[in-house]
């Protein structure tokens, strides 16, 4: 292994920490990248009907999910509407 290889290999853990951060999803701490749409996809919410998402008690419109950037320790609440009476 050359110096060049070992230098870049040493940066990998730091880089991973920059793109993965603690985020709370419905009260449970998880490690995710900062894209809300990726989090929703990974958690199985993307594509479901009747989903509402709030980040830090602020509703995020469905049209904004793709571009919404999360920050470390954000609190995401995902609610699914259900029928009943």
N, C-alpha and C. Protein backbone atom coordinates (compact mmCIF):
# COMPACT_ATOMS: atom_id res chain seq x y z
N UNK A 1 0.86 -1.17 0.00
CA UNK A 1 0.00 0.00 0.00
C UNK A 1 0.91 1.24 0.00
N UNK A 2 0.60 2.16 -0.86
CA UNK A 2 1.39 3.38 -0.95
C UNK A 2 0.89 4.41 0.05
N UNK A 3 1.68 5.47 0.24
CA UNK A 3 1.27 6.56 1.11
C UNK A 3 -0.06 7.14 0.63
N UNK A 4 -0.16 7.29 -0.68
CA UNK A 4 -1.37 7.85 -1.28
C UNK A 4 -2.59 7.02 -0.89
N UNK A 5 -2.50 5.69 -1.00
CA UNK A 5 -3.61 4.80 -0.65
C UNK A 5 -3.95 4.89 0.83
N UNK A 6 -2.95 4.87 1.68
CA UNK A 6 -3.24 4.89 3.12
C UNK A 6 -3.81 6.23 3.55
N UNK A 7 -3.40 7.32 2.91
CA UNK A 7 -3.95 8.64 3.23
C UNK A 7 -5.44 8.68 2.90
N UNK A 8 -5.81 8.23 1.71
CA UNK A 8 -7.22 8.27 1.34
C UNK A 8 -8.05 7.28 2.14
N UNK A 9 -7.49 6.12 2.47
CA UNK A 9 -8.19 5.16 3.32
C UNK A 9 -8.45 5.73 4.70
N UNK A 10 -7.53 6.56 5.20
CA UNK A 10 -7.73 7.16 6.52
C UNK A 10 -8.84 8.20 6.51
N UNK A 11 -9.15 8.77 5.35
CA UNK A 11 -10.21 9.77 5.25
C UNK A 11 -11.61 9.16 5.17
N UNK A 12 -11.69 7.90 4.79
CA UNK A 12 -12.99 7.27 4.57
C UNK A 12 -13.88 7.34 5.82
N UNK A 13 -13.42 6.97 7.02
CA UNK A 13 -14.32 7.06 8.18
C UNK A 13 -14.81 8.49 8.43
N UNK A 14 -13.94 9.49 8.25
CA UNK A 14 -14.36 10.88 8.45
C UNK A 14 -15.42 11.27 7.43
N UNK A 15 -15.24 10.87 6.19
CA UNK A 15 -16.20 11.18 5.13
C UNK A 15 -17.54 10.53 5.42
N UNK A 16 -17.52 9.29 5.86
CA UNK A 16 -18.76 8.59 6.18
C UNK A 16 -19.49 9.31 7.31
N UNK A 17 -18.76 9.79 8.32
CA UNK A 17 -19.40 10.51 9.41
C UNK A 17 -20.02 11.81 8.93
N UNK A 18 -19.47 12.43 7.89
CA UNK A 18 -20.05 13.66 7.37
C UNK A 18 -21.36 13.41 6.65
N UNK A 19 -21.50 12.25 6.03
CA UNK A 19 -22.72 11.99 5.27
C UNK A 19 -23.73 11.16 6.05
N UNK A 20 -23.36 10.62 7.17
CA UNK A 20 -24.27 9.87 8.03
C UNK A 20 -24.29 10.53 9.39
N UNK A 21 -25.48 10.83 9.88
CA UNK A 21 -25.57 11.54 11.14
C UNK A 21 -26.78 11.05 11.93
N UNK A 22 -26.77 11.27 13.24
CA UNK A 22 -27.92 10.85 14.04
C UNK A 22 -29.14 11.72 13.75
N UNK A 23 -30.25 11.05 13.52
CA UNK A 23 -31.54 11.69 13.25
C UNK A 23 -32.58 10.85 13.99
N UNK A 24 -33.59 11.50 14.52
CA UNK A 24 -34.65 10.79 15.24
C UNK A 24 -35.87 10.64 14.34
N UNK A 25 -36.30 9.39 14.13
CA UNK A 25 -37.46 9.09 13.30
C UNK A 25 -38.54 8.51 14.21
N UNK A 26 -39.62 9.25 14.37
CA UNK A 26 -40.71 8.85 15.27
C UNK A 26 -40.17 8.46 16.64
N UNK A 27 -39.22 9.26 17.14
CA UNK A 27 -38.68 9.08 18.49
C UNK A 27 -37.54 8.09 18.62
N UNK A 28 -37.14 7.45 17.53
CA UNK A 28 -36.07 6.45 17.59
C UNK A 28 -34.84 7.00 16.86
N UNK A 29 -33.68 6.97 17.54
CA UNK A 29 -32.46 7.47 16.92
C UNK A 29 -31.98 6.51 15.85
N UNK A 30 -31.67 7.08 14.68
CA UNK A 30 -31.15 6.32 13.55
C UNK A 30 -30.02 7.10 12.93
N UNK A 31 -29.22 6.44 12.11
CA UNK A 31 -28.12 7.10 11.40
C UNK A 31 -28.47 7.14 9.92
N UNK A 32 -28.49 8.35 9.36
CA UNK A 32 -28.89 8.53 7.96
C UNK A 32 -28.08 9.61 7.28
N UNK A 33 -28.20 9.61 5.97
CA UNK A 33 -27.67 10.70 5.15
C UNK A 33 -28.62 11.88 5.29
N UNK A 34 -28.20 13.09 4.89
CA UNK A 34 -29.04 14.26 5.12
C UNK A 34 -30.20 14.47 4.16
N UNK A 35 -30.55 13.53 3.32
CA UNK A 35 -31.66 13.70 2.38
C UNK A 35 -32.94 13.08 2.95
N UNK A 36 -33.96 13.89 3.11
CA UNK A 36 -35.23 13.41 3.65
C UNK A 36 -35.83 12.33 2.77
N UNK A 37 -35.79 12.50 1.47
CA UNK A 37 -36.39 11.50 0.57
C UNK A 37 -35.71 10.13 0.70
N UNK A 38 -34.40 10.11 0.91
CA UNK A 38 -33.69 8.82 1.08
C UNK A 38 -34.09 8.16 2.39
N UNK A 39 -34.24 8.96 3.44
CA UNK A 39 -34.68 8.43 4.72
C UNK A 39 -36.08 7.83 4.59
N UNK A 40 -36.99 8.56 3.94
CA UNK A 40 -38.36 8.06 3.78
C UNK A 40 -38.40 6.78 2.95
N UNK A 41 -37.55 6.71 1.94
CA UNK A 41 -37.48 5.50 1.11
C UNK A 41 -36.97 4.33 1.94
N UNK A 42 -35.89 4.54 2.66
CA UNK A 42 -35.27 3.47 3.45
C UNK A 42 -36.22 2.97 4.55
N UNK A 43 -37.02 3.87 5.11
CA UNK A 43 -37.96 3.50 6.17
C UNK A 43 -39.26 2.91 5.62
N UNK A 44 -39.42 2.90 4.28
CA UNK A 44 -40.60 2.30 3.67
C UNK A 44 -41.81 3.22 3.57
N UNK A 45 -41.61 4.53 3.75
CA UNK A 45 -42.72 5.47 3.68
C UNK A 45 -42.92 6.07 2.30
N UNK A 46 -41.86 6.16 1.52
CA UNK A 46 -41.96 6.79 0.20
C UNK A 46 -42.88 5.97 -0.70
N UNK A 47 -43.82 6.63 -1.33
CA UNK A 47 -44.75 5.93 -2.20
C UNK A 47 -46.07 5.57 -1.52
N UNK A 48 -46.12 5.63 -0.20
CA UNK A 48 -47.37 5.35 0.50
C UNK A 48 -48.29 6.56 0.40
N UNK A 49 -49.59 6.31 0.36
CA UNK A 49 -50.55 7.41 0.34
C UNK A 49 -50.90 7.81 1.77
N UNK A 50 -51.27 9.08 1.94
CA UNK A 50 -51.72 9.55 3.24
C UNK A 50 -50.61 9.76 4.24
N UNK A 51 -49.42 10.10 3.77
CA UNK A 51 -48.27 10.32 4.65
C UNK A 51 -48.06 11.82 4.85
N UNK A 52 -47.83 12.20 6.09
CA UNK A 52 -47.45 13.57 6.42
C UNK A 52 -46.13 13.52 7.15
N UNK A 53 -45.25 14.48 6.86
CA UNK A 53 -43.92 14.50 7.46
C UNK A 53 -43.67 15.86 8.10
N UNK A 54 -43.16 15.83 9.32
CA UNK A 54 -42.75 17.06 10.00
C UNK A 54 -41.30 16.88 10.44
N UNK A 55 -40.53 17.95 10.31
CA UNK A 55 -39.15 17.97 10.79
C UNK A 55 -39.07 19.07 11.84
N UNK A 56 -38.71 18.67 13.05
CA UNK A 56 -38.63 19.62 14.17
C UNK A 56 -39.94 20.41 14.31
N UNK A 57 -41.05 19.69 14.26
CA UNK A 57 -42.41 20.24 14.45
C UNK A 57 -42.85 21.18 13.33
N UNK A 58 -42.19 21.15 12.18
CA UNK A 58 -42.59 21.94 11.02
C UNK A 58 -42.94 20.99 9.88
N UNK A 59 -44.17 21.10 9.39
CA UNK A 59 -44.60 20.23 8.29
C UNK A 59 -43.77 20.51 7.05
N UNK A 60 -43.35 19.44 6.38
CA UNK A 60 -42.60 19.55 5.13
C UNK A 60 -43.52 19.06 4.02
N UNK A 61 -43.81 19.92 3.06
CA UNK A 61 -44.72 19.52 1.97
C UNK A 61 -44.10 18.41 1.15
N UNK A 62 -44.95 17.58 0.60
CA UNK A 62 -44.48 16.43 -0.19
C UNK A 62 -43.61 16.87 -1.36
N UNK A 63 -43.92 18.02 -1.95
CA UNK A 63 -43.11 18.51 -3.08
C UNK A 63 -41.70 18.90 -2.65
N UNK A 64 -41.48 19.13 -1.36
CA UNK A 64 -40.15 19.52 -0.87
C UNK A 64 -39.31 18.35 -0.38
N UNK A 65 -39.89 17.15 -0.29
CA UNK A 65 -39.16 16.01 0.26
C UNK A 65 -37.86 15.72 -0.47
N UNK A 66 -37.86 15.81 -1.79
CA UNK A 66 -36.67 15.44 -2.58
C UNK A 66 -35.49 16.36 -2.27
N UNK A 67 -35.74 17.64 -2.10
CA UNK A 67 -34.65 18.60 -1.90
C UNK A 67 -34.38 18.93 -0.43
N UNK A 68 -35.19 18.40 0.48
CA UNK A 68 -35.07 18.79 1.88
C UNK A 68 -33.82 18.18 2.51
N UNK A 69 -32.97 19.03 3.06
CA UNK A 69 -31.74 18.60 3.72
C UNK A 69 -31.94 18.53 5.23
N UNK A 70 -31.64 17.39 5.80
CA UNK A 70 -31.73 17.21 7.24
C UNK A 70 -30.43 17.66 7.91
N UNK A 71 -30.54 17.99 9.18
CA UNK A 71 -29.37 18.35 9.98
C UNK A 71 -29.23 17.36 11.13
N UNK A 72 -28.04 17.29 11.67
CA UNK A 72 -27.78 16.38 12.77
C UNK A 72 -28.77 16.61 13.90
N UNK A 73 -29.29 15.51 14.44
CA UNK A 73 -30.25 15.48 15.55
C UNK A 73 -31.62 16.03 15.21
N UNK A 74 -31.94 16.20 13.91
CA UNK A 74 -33.30 16.59 13.54
C UNK A 74 -34.27 15.53 14.04
N UNK A 75 -35.47 15.98 14.34
CA UNK A 75 -36.52 15.07 14.78
C UNK A 75 -37.61 15.02 13.71
N UNK A 76 -37.75 13.83 13.11
CA UNK A 76 -38.69 13.62 12.03
C UNK A 76 -39.88 12.84 12.57
N UNK A 77 -41.06 13.36 12.29
CA UNK A 77 -42.29 12.66 12.65
C UNK A 77 -43.01 12.31 11.37
N UNK A 78 -43.30 11.03 11.19
CA UNK A 78 -44.03 10.57 10.00
C UNK A 78 -45.36 10.01 10.48
N UNK A 79 -46.43 10.56 9.90
CA UNK A 79 -47.78 10.15 10.28
C UNK A 79 -48.48 9.60 9.05
N UNK A 80 -49.16 8.47 9.23
CA UNK A 80 -49.97 7.89 8.14
C UNK A 80 -51.42 8.00 8.53
N UNK A 81 -52.18 8.63 7.66
CA UNK A 81 -53.62 8.75 7.89
C UNK A 81 -54.27 7.38 7.80
N UNK A 82 -55.29 7.18 8.63
CA UNK A 82 -56.03 5.91 8.56
C UNK A 82 -57.52 6.19 8.68
N UNK A 83 -58.29 5.28 8.13
CA UNK A 83 -59.74 5.42 8.22
C UNK A 83 -60.22 4.79 9.52
N UNK A 84 -61.32 5.25 9.96
CA UNK A 84 -61.90 4.66 11.16
C UNK A 84 -62.89 5.62 11.78
N UNK A 85 -63.49 5.19 12.83
CA UNK A 85 -64.47 6.08 13.42
C UNK A 85 -64.77 5.78 14.83
